[in-house]
Amino acid sequence: MELNDDLLLRYSRHILLPEVGVAGQARICEASVLVIGAGGLGCPVALYLGAAGVGRLLLADGDTVDLTNLQRQIGHASAAIGENKADSLARSVLAINPGIAVEPIRHALAGEALQTAVAAADLVVDASDNFATRHAVNRACVAAGKPLVSGAAIGFSGQLAVFDARQAASPCYHCLFPDATGEPEVRCAEAGVFSPLVGVIGAMQAMEALKCLTHAGQPLVGRLLLWDGLRADARVMKVPRDPACPVCGGGARQAG
């Protein structure tokens, strides 16, 4: 993709970075990214990816904006209460960068629809809030060979990892968190969440996504970042691939 003068000016601060440059910015502008979830994490992810110039953003969320969301979900305004979150967030992204394509998906993706959406994207960002969705998205990304940027946040604690099925040594989400169907989940409505925490984790998800798209630096593949907001402390743990993983290990990966 050739960047015209307006785009060169808009993205000039990216282009000045030798790790990105004109070629890297062109890759961003040509990319298609699927964001699963338009809530606390999805808002900063979509706003930063849109501002950075991702050419096509698909925002999937079947939920509507609620008053309790506004404490942390910065892509939604008070006037959007009752509106579908994907629609509301798409409007906020386009207000920042009207030159990109933003497509709201107004329902939760599952089954064949999820597989189709993942296969059509260059990269997937999981900004969902439940294990069932995370595991379904992970399976779809492994099957389609798409990189997945996964984040989670609750209370004052967050985590971030990148899973890249294109790399033989990369684990998948199931390697790190085996599917434990029936186990109780702690949600924001029950445990609360510190407002800036989702901004911190969501911004880091956007950073990892852009690193993957531009081939800059070293994405968090095979590593898990743990953030403790109360102590302002970050730890990074190595995550090996499980050769017996039923999703990406052994025959599963070869078949995919």
Protein backbone atom coordinates (compact mmCIF):
# COMPACT_ATOMS: atom_id res chain seq x y z
CA MET A 1 0.00 0.00 0.00
CA GLU A 2 1.30 3.47 -0.92
CA LEU A 3 0.71 6.13 1.73
CA ASN A 4 -0.44 9.52 0.42
CA ASP A 5 0.65 12.84 1.93
CA ASP A 6 -2.25 12.97 4.39
CA LEU A 7 -1.49 9.49 5.69
CA LEU A 8 2.23 10.20 5.90
CA LEU A 9 1.41 13.21 8.07
CA ARG A 10 -1.21 11.45 10.22
CA TYR A 11 1.10 8.53 10.97
CA SER A 12 4.37 10.50 10.95
CA ARG A 13 5.22 9.67 14.57
CA HIS A 14 5.04 5.97 13.75
CA ILE A 15 7.01 6.41 10.58
CA LEU A 16 9.80 8.17 12.49
CA LEU A 17 10.35 4.97 14.47
CA PRO A 18 12.96 2.86 12.66
CA GLU A 19 11.24 -0.30 13.93
CA VAL A 20 8.06 0.74 12.08
CA GLY A 21 8.89 3.13 9.24
CA VAL A 22 6.83 3.53 6.08
CA ALA A 23 6.78 -0.21 5.40
CA GLY A 24 5.50 -1.05 8.88
CA GLN A 25 2.83 1.63 8.76
CA ALA A 26 1.72 0.35 5.37
CA ARG A 27 1.31 -3.12 6.90
CA ILE A 28 -0.86 -1.60 9.65
CA CYS A 29 -3.01 0.19 7.08
CA GLU A 30 -3.46 -3.00 5.07
CA ALA A 31 -4.31 -5.18 8.09
CA SER A 32 -7.64 -6.59 9.17
CA VAL A 33 -8.04 -7.11 12.93
CA LEU A 34 -10.92 -8.81 14.74
CA VAL A 35 -11.56 -7.58 18.29
CA ILE A 36 -13.73 -9.89 20.39
CA GLY A 37 -15.44 -7.76 23.01
CA ALA A 38 -16.20 -4.02 23.09
CA GLY A 39 -16.02 -3.55 26.85
CA GLY A 40 -13.29 -2.54 29.27
CA LEU A 41 -10.44 -4.10 27.30
CA GLY A 42 -11.96 -3.81 23.85
CA CYS A 43 -12.43 -0.04 24.13
CA PRO A 44 -8.73 0.93 24.48
CA VAL A 45 -7.73 -1.82 22.06
CA ALA A 46 -10.05 -0.54 19.34
CA LEU A 47 -9.33 3.14 19.97
CA TYR A 48 -5.56 2.66 19.76
CA LEU A 49 -5.69 0.30 16.78
CA GLY A 50 -8.03 2.68 14.98
CA ALA A 51 -5.85 5.69 15.77
CA ALA A 52 -2.80 3.74 14.58
CA GLY A 53 -4.46 3.19 11.21
CA VAL A 54 -5.47 -0.47 11.14
CA GLY A 55 -7.26 -0.58 7.81
CA ARG A 56 -10.18 -2.79 8.81
CA LEU A 57 -11.42 -3.27 12.34
CA LEU A 58 -14.15 -5.78 13.13
CA LEU A 59 -15.68 -5.23 16.58
CA ALA A 60 -17.80 -8.06 17.94
CA ASP A 61 -20.08 -7.71 20.96
CA GLY A 62 -23.72 -8.60 21.50
CA ASP A 63 -24.07 -6.63 24.76
CA THR A 64 -25.52 -3.15 25.28
CA VAL A 65 -23.99 -0.20 27.10
CA ASP A 66 -24.99 0.01 30.77
CA LEU A 67 -24.49 2.81 33.28
CA THR A 68 -22.09 0.64 35.29
CA ASN A 69 -19.85 0.27 32.21
CA LEU A 70 -19.01 3.96 31.99
CA GLN A 71 -16.60 3.88 34.96
CA ARG A 72 -14.02 2.13 32.77
CA GLN A 73 -15.26 1.48 29.21
CA ILE A 74 -13.87 4.66 27.67
CA GLY A 75 -15.19 4.04 24.16
CA HIS A 76 -18.79 4.62 25.29
CA ALA A 77 -20.51 7.87 26.26
CA SER A 78 -23.51 8.38 28.54
CA ALA A 79 -25.66 8.98 25.48
CA ALA A 80 -24.88 5.42 24.31
CA ILE A 81 -26.60 3.73 27.27
CA GLY A 82 -28.86 1.03 25.87
CA GLU A 83 -27.04 0.94 22.53
CA ASN A 84 -25.15 -2.07 21.22
CA LYS A 85 -21.52 -1.84 22.34
CA ALA A 86 -20.07 -2.69 18.94
CA ASP A 87 -22.04 0.16 17.36
CA SER A 88 -21.10 2.62 20.09
CA LEU A 89 -17.40 1.75 19.99
CA ALA A 90 -17.31 1.81 16.19
CA ARG A 91 -18.63 5.37 16.24
CA SER A 92 -15.97 6.41 18.77
CA VAL A 93 -13.18 4.88 16.68
CA LEU A 94 -14.40 6.56 13.49
CA ALA A 95 -14.53 9.91 15.29
CA ILE A 96 -10.76 9.55 15.80
CA ASN A 97 -9.94 8.12 12.37
CA PRO A 98 -12.66 8.32 9.72
CA GLY A 99 -10.30 7.01 7.06
CA ILE A 100 -10.46 3.36 8.15
CA ALA A 101 -13.16 0.72 7.88
CA VAL A 102 -14.85 -0.22 11.16
CA GLU A 103 -17.43 -2.99 11.04
CA PRO A 104 -19.58 -3.66 14.11
CA ILE A 105 -20.69 -7.26 14.65
CA ARG A 106 -23.74 -6.92 16.88
CA HIS A 107 -23.83 -10.41 18.31
CA ALA A 108 -21.56 -12.79 20.16
CA LEU A 109 -19.51 -14.80 17.70
CA ALA A 110 -19.70 -18.57 18.05
CA GLY A 111 -19.47 -21.72 15.97
CA GLU A 112 -19.16 -21.30 12.22
CA ALA A 113 -19.61 -17.52 12.41
CA LEU A 114 -16.61 -17.26 14.75
CA GLN A 115 -14.50 -19.49 12.52
CA THR A 116 -15.38 -17.43 9.45
CA ALA A 117 -14.59 -14.11 11.16
CA VAL A 118 -11.26 -15.38 12.50
CA ALA A 119 -10.24 -16.81 9.12
CA ALA A 120 -10.94 -13.46 7.43
CA ALA A 121 -8.73 -11.48 9.85
CA ASP A 122 -4.96 -11.09 9.92
CA LEU A 123 -4.90 -11.01 13.72
CA VAL A 124 -7.39 -11.51 16.57
CA VAL A 125 -7.54 -9.64 19.86
CA ASP A 126 -9.47 -11.40 22.62
CA ALA A 127 -10.96 -8.74 24.88
CA SER A 128 -13.75 -10.96 26.19
CA ASP A 129 -14.61 -11.53 29.84
CA ASN A 130 -15.25 -15.27 30.16
CA PHE A 131 -13.34 -18.52 29.76
CA ALA A 132 -15.82 -20.14 27.37
CA THR A 133 -15.33 -17.37 24.81
CA ARG A 134 -11.55 -17.32 25.28
CA HIS A 135 -11.31 -21.06 24.64
CA ALA A 136 -13.59 -20.87 21.60
CA VAL A 137 -11.56 -17.99 20.14
CA ASN A 138 -8.33 -19.86 20.84
CA ARG A 139 -9.57 -22.98 19.03
CA ALA A 140 -10.61 -20.90 16.03
CA CYS A 141 -7.25 -19.11 15.90
CA VAL A 142 -5.29 -22.37 16.09
CA ALA A 143 -7.44 -23.92 13.36
CA ALA A 144 -7.00 -20.88 11.09
CA GLY A 145 -3.35 -20.28 11.95
CA LYS A 146 -3.99 -16.72 13.16
CA PRO A 147 -2.05 -14.86 15.87
CA LEU A 148 -4.07 -14.18 19.02
CA VAL A 149 -3.48 -11.39 21.54
CA SER A 150 -5.17 -12.34 24.80
CA GLY A 151 -5.76 -10.14 27.83
CA ALA A 152 -7.73 -10.27 31.06
CA ALA A 153 -8.33 -7.89 33.97
CA ILE A 154 -10.12 -8.13 37.33
CA GLY A 155 -9.78 -6.18 40.54
CA PHE A 156 -6.31 -4.64 40.42
CA SER A 157 -4.69 -7.51 38.48
CA GLY A 158 -4.23 -8.10 34.78
CA GLN A 159 -2.51 -10.50 32.41
CA LEU A 160 -1.41 -10.49 28.81
CA ALA A 161 -0.04 -13.06 26.34
CA VAL A 162 0.34 -13.61 22.61
CA PHE A 163 -0.33 -16.99 21.02
CA ASP A 164 0.84 -17.49 17.45
CA ALA A 165 -0.18 -20.74 15.79
CA ARG A 166 2.16 -19.94 12.89
CA GLN A 167 5.14 -20.64 15.17
CA ALA A 168 5.84 -24.28 15.96
CA ALA A 169 7.06 -23.53 19.50
CA SER A 170 4.17 -21.25 20.44
CA PRO A 171 1.74 -22.47 23.08
CA CYS A 172 -1.96 -21.76 22.74
CA TYR A 173 -4.38 -20.44 25.36
CA HIS A 174 -5.38 -23.99 26.29
CA CYS A 175 -1.74 -24.87 27.06
CA LEU A 176 -1.74 -22.10 29.66
CA PHE A 177 -5.30 -22.45 30.94
CA PRO A 178 -6.75 -25.92 30.30
CA ASP A 179 -10.48 -25.84 29.72
CA ALA A 180 -12.12 -26.40 33.11
CA THR A 181 -15.79 -26.55 32.23
CA GLY A 182 -18.05 -25.88 35.18
CA GLU A 183 -15.54 -24.03 37.33
CA PRO A 184 -16.90 -20.73 38.74
CA GLU A 185 -15.65 -17.48 37.23
CA VAL A 186 -15.12 -14.18 39.01
CA ARG A 187 -16.61 -11.28 37.06
CA CYS A 188 -16.43 -7.51 37.38
CA ALA A 189 -19.99 -7.34 38.68
CA GLU A 190 -18.96 -9.55 41.61
CA ALA A 191 -15.37 -8.56 42.36
CA GLY A 192 -15.10 -5.08 40.85
CA VAL A 193 -12.36 -3.73 38.62
CA PHE A 194 -10.11 -0.70 39.05
CA SER A 195 -10.96 1.73 36.25
CA PRO A 196 -7.46 2.36 34.77
CA LEU A 197 -6.52 -1.33 34.93
CA VAL A 198 -8.45 -2.21 31.78
CA GLY A 199 -6.81 0.75 30.07
CA VAL A 200 -3.35 -0.51 31.00
CA ILE A 201 -3.99 -4.07 29.80
CA GLY A 202 -5.99 -2.98 26.75
CA ALA A 203 -3.27 -0.55 25.66
CA MET A 204 -0.68 -3.31 26.01
CA GLN A 205 -2.89 -5.62 23.91
CA ALA A 206 -2.97 -2.95 21.21
CA MET A 207 0.82 -2.61 21.45
CA GLU A 208 1.34 -6.35 21.04
CA ALA A 209 -1.07 -6.43 18.10
CA LEU A 210 0.80 -3.62 16.34
CA LYS A 211 4.13 -5.29 17.05
CA CYS A 212 2.86 -8.45 15.39
CA LEU A 213 1.56 -6.53 12.37
CA THR A 214 4.73 -4.49 11.87
CA HIS A 215 7.20 -7.24 12.87
CA ALA A 216 8.66 -4.85 15.45
CA GLY A 217 10.38 -6.09 18.60
CA GLN A 218 9.51 -9.35 20.29
CA PRO A 219 5.81 -10.04 20.91
CA LEU A 220 4.84 -11.89 24.08
CA VAL A 221 4.79 -15.29 22.37
CA GLY A 222 5.53 -18.06 24.85
CA ARG A 223 5.39 -15.61 27.73
CA LEU A 224 2.70 -14.41 30.16
CA LEU A 225 2.85 -10.91 31.61
CA LEU A 226 1.23 -10.52 35.03
CA TRP A 227 0.47 -6.99 36.22
CA ASP A 228 -0.25 -6.15 39.88
CA GLY A 229 -1.77 -2.69 39.91
CA LEU A 230 -1.72 -2.32 43.69
CA ARG A 231 2.04 -2.76 43.81
CA ALA A 232 2.83 -1.43 40.33
CA ASP A 233 4.69 -4.68 39.79
CA ALA A 234 5.06 -6.67 36.56
CA ARG A 235 6.26 -10.25 36.18
CA VAL A 236 6.82 -12.20 32.99
CA MET A 237 6.64 -15.99 33.04
CA LYS A 238 7.68 -18.39 30.30
CA VAL A 239 4.85 -20.53 28.94
CA PRO A 240 5.91 -23.68 27.06
CA ARG A 241 3.74 -25.42 24.52
CA ASP A 242 2.08 -28.54 25.85
CA PRO A 243 2.84 -31.36 23.38
CA ALA A 244 -0.24 -33.18 24.67
CA CYS A 245 -2.56 -30.17 24.32
CA PRO A 246 -5.80 -31.33 22.66
CA VAL A 247 -6.06 -28.00 20.79
CA CYS A 248 -2.57 -27.32 19.42
CA GLY A 249 -0.38 -30.26 20.49
CA GLY A 250 0.83 -33.16 18.37
CA GLY A 251 -1.66 -34.29 15.78
CA ALA A 252 -3.99 -31.36 16.46
CA ARG A 253 -1.40 -28.84 15.25
CA GLN A 254 -0.37 -30.95 12.28
CA ALA A 255 -3.98 -31.33 11.23
CA GLY A 256 -4.58 -27.58 11.55
